[in-house]
C-alpha cells in the first residue's frame, strides 16, 4: 500500500507561505519516500488555483497547465496580505504506469508575514 501524497510548492512550509516567498513558489510537485516505486512517481499536469483575501472574498481563480505558476497567477498573488489563502484543487497528475489521474484534495495555503 503506497502512501497518499499531497503535492507541495517549493517554498511552502507546512501549509504556510511567507509574503517574501510568493514570487519564488517554484513548482508544484510530490515529495517521495526513498523506497517509492519510480514508475508510480508523478508530475503535475494541471491544477486550479483560487486566491481568497483575509475577509474571505475570492479575488482570483484560474487554471494552470503544467506544474509551475504562470506570470498571471504570480501577479495576482503579488499583493496578498497576511491571512489570505491560496487554494489548489483539481490536480491532474501523470505517471508512466497509469497515465493521467486526478488527486481529490483541496490544498489550502495561508499567507504569513
Protein backbone atom coordinates (compact mmCIF):
# COMPACT_ATOMS: atom_id res chain seq x y z
CA UNK A 1 0.00 0.00 0.00
CA UNK A 2 1.53 3.29 -1.15
CA UNK A 3 1.11 6.42 0.99
CA UNK A 4 -1.21 9.17 -0.27
CA UNK A 5 0.93 12.05 -1.49
CA UNK A 6 -0.05 15.70 -1.40
CA UNK A 7 1.83 17.93 -3.85
CA UNK A 8 3.78 20.83 -2.36
CA UNK A 9 5.19 24.09 -3.69
CA UNK A 10 8.93 24.72 -3.32
CA UNK A 11 8.77 27.43 -0.63
CA UNK A 12 5.77 26.12 1.28
CA UNK A 13 6.32 25.23 4.94
CA UNK A 14 3.52 23.12 6.46
CA UNK A 15 0.76 24.96 4.63
CA UNK A 16 2.27 28.42 5.22
CA UNK A 17 3.84 30.74 2.65
CA UNK A 18 5.70 33.87 3.73
CA UNK A 19 4.89 37.07 1.84
CA UNK A 20 8.54 37.37 0.78
CA UNK A 21 8.42 33.92 -0.85
CA UNK A 22 5.33 34.47 -3.04
CA UNK A 23 7.37 35.25 -6.16
CA UNK A 24 9.56 32.17 -5.53
CA UNK A 25 6.91 29.48 -5.13
CA UNK A 26 8.52 27.29 -7.78
CA UNK A 27 6.78 24.15 -8.96
CA UNK A 28 4.00 22.00 -7.55
CA UNK A 29 5.41 18.51 -7.02
CA UNK A 30 5.24 15.44 -4.81
CA UNK A 31 7.97 14.64 -2.30
CA UNK A 32 8.53 10.88 -2.21
CA UNK A 33 9.86 8.45 0.39
CA UNK A 34 13.14 6.83 -0.69
CA UNK A 35 11.56 3.46 -1.48
CA UNK A 36 8.69 4.84 -3.62
CA UNK A 37 8.46 2.95 -6.97
CA UNK A 38 9.90 5.02 -9.83
CA UNK A 39 7.10 4.10 -12.28
CA UNK A 40 4.50 5.42 -9.81
CA UNK A 41 6.11 8.84 -9.40
CA UNK A 42 4.02 11.58 -10.95
CA UNK A 43 4.43 15.01 -12.44
CA UNK A 44 1.70 17.62 -12.10
CA UNK A 45 -0.06 18.10 -15.43
CA UNK A 46 -2.51 20.87 -14.44
CA UNK A 47 -4.42 22.33 -11.48
CA UNK A 48 -6.91 25.01 -10.48
CA UNK A 49 -5.98 27.85 -8.15
CA UNK A 50 -8.20 30.16 -6.08
CA UNK A 51 -6.98 33.16 -4.10
CA UNK A 52 -9.07 34.32 -1.16
CA UNK A 53 -8.38 37.58 0.68
CA UNK A 54 -8.32 37.75 4.52
CA UNK A 55 -12.03 38.70 4.63
CA UNK A 56 -12.97 35.54 2.70
CA UNK A 57 -13.71 37.03 -0.74
CA UNK A 58 -12.36 35.16 -3.77
CA UNK A 59 -10.14 37.62 -5.67
CA UNK A 60 -8.67 35.31 -8.32
CA UNK A 61 -9.46 31.99 -9.95
CA UNK A 62 -7.57 30.31 -12.73
CA UNK A 63 -6.33 27.11 -14.29
CA UNK A 64 -2.64 26.30 -14.60
CA UNK A 65 -1.22 24.00 -17.26
CA UNK A 66 1.95 22.27 -16.14
CA UNK A 67 3.43 22.31 -12.66
CA UNK A 68 4.54 25.93 -12.20
CA UNK A 69 2.63 29.13 -11.60
CA UNK A 70 2.40 31.35 -14.66
CA UNK A 71 3.04 35.11 -14.68
CA UNK A 72 -0.68 35.91 -14.42
CA UNK A 73 -1.04 33.88 -11.24
CA UNK A 74 2.14 35.33 -9.71
CA UNK A 75 0.87 38.85 -10.50
CA UNK A 76 -2.43 38.05 -8.75
CA UNK A 77 -0.53 36.76 -5.71
CA UNK A 78 1.90 39.68 -5.51
CA UNK A 79 -0.39 41.99 -3.49
CA UNK A 80 -1.63 39.47 -0.93
CA UNK A 81 -1.79 40.36 2.74
CA UNK A 82 -1.20 38.06 5.73
CA UNK A 83 -4.24 35.88 6.34
CA UNK A 84 -5.03 35.46 2.63
CA UNK A 85 -5.35 31.90 1.38
CA UNK A 86 -4.33 30.08 -1.78
CA UNK A 87 -6.46 27.03 -2.57
CA UNK A 88 -5.23 24.49 -5.10
CA UNK A 89 -7.53 21.72 -6.31
CA UNK A 90 -8.47 19.60 -9.31
CA UNK A 91 -4.84 18.48 -9.53
CA UNK A 92 -4.19 16.29 -12.55
CA UNK A 93 -1.01 14.21 -12.40
CA UNK A 94 0.68 11.93 -14.90
CA UNK A 95 2.91 8.89 -14.41
CA UNK A 96 4.41 6.14 -16.54
CA UNK A 97 2.11 3.42 -15.21
CA UNK A 98 -1.36 4.97 -15.05
CA UNK A 99 -1.22 7.95 -17.43
CA UNK A 100 -3.35 10.86 -16.20
CA UNK A 101 -5.18 10.73 -12.87
CA UNK A 102 -6.83 13.25 -10.57
CA UNK A 103 -5.83 13.91 -6.95
CA UNK A 104 -9.02 14.53 -4.98
CA UNK A 105 -7.81 17.11 -2.45
CA UNK A 106 -8.27 20.79 -1.68
CA UNK A 107 -4.81 22.06 -0.77
CA UNK A 108 -5.00 25.24 1.31
CA UNK A 109 -2.03 27.54 1.92
CA UNK A 110 -2.06 30.55 4.23
CA UNK A 111 -0.03 33.72 3.66
CA UNK A 112 2.01 34.90 6.66
CA UNK A 113 4.32 37.86 7.38
